[in-house]
Amino acid sequence: MLTKEEIDKLIAEAPKDEKGRPVIPDDVFMENYKQLPQGVVSDAGKYRVKTGYLNPLRKGEARNKEIQSAGGKKSREMYSKRKTWAESIDIFLKMTDEEGRTNQDKIIEAMARRAMDGCVGASEFLRDTVGEKPSENLSLDVMTDGDKELIANLMKRLNDRPGDTTK
């Protein structure tokens, strides 16, 4: 890590890119990027922005691949945790009490009792769980008579074109 004075000296002596930004060596940039002022660029094309993050300026650079790889690893980690949740719930549902009844059986029994007491949500849950959920078919006929007339006129014009051999 460089001191503030060393960074200021390095930036003052650094060559400038086409936009007038100081360009410093990549290794120095990566070690000190949090202390660099906004607008400093590394040899490899990384750019220091106001928020403290690095923006890659050139595609295909090694740092871009590192960033993408890190994102992929985090994504895989997230999906593996989701799988763990599903596995945990499955384990919970299969757990049995001293009478040999599973938690899944107890949940279904509780929902059935609530449905019998008149709870519509519980009865819908049971119906949907056994696969008898009614389909939700929505039919929206938003075309007015004027719209239909316009389409008919357009179709007539398209069919009555001179030189049309598709009739």
Foldseek 3Di string as FASTA:
>chain_A
DDDPVVLVVQQVPADADPVRAGEDAPVVCVVCVQPHDFAHAYPQQWGRHPVSDIDRPDPPTPVVVVVVVVVVVVVVVVVVVVVVVVVVVVVQQQDADPVGDGVVNVVLVVLVVVVVVPDPVSVQVVCVVVPNDDDDDDDDDPQDPVNVVVVVVVVVVVVPDPPDPPD
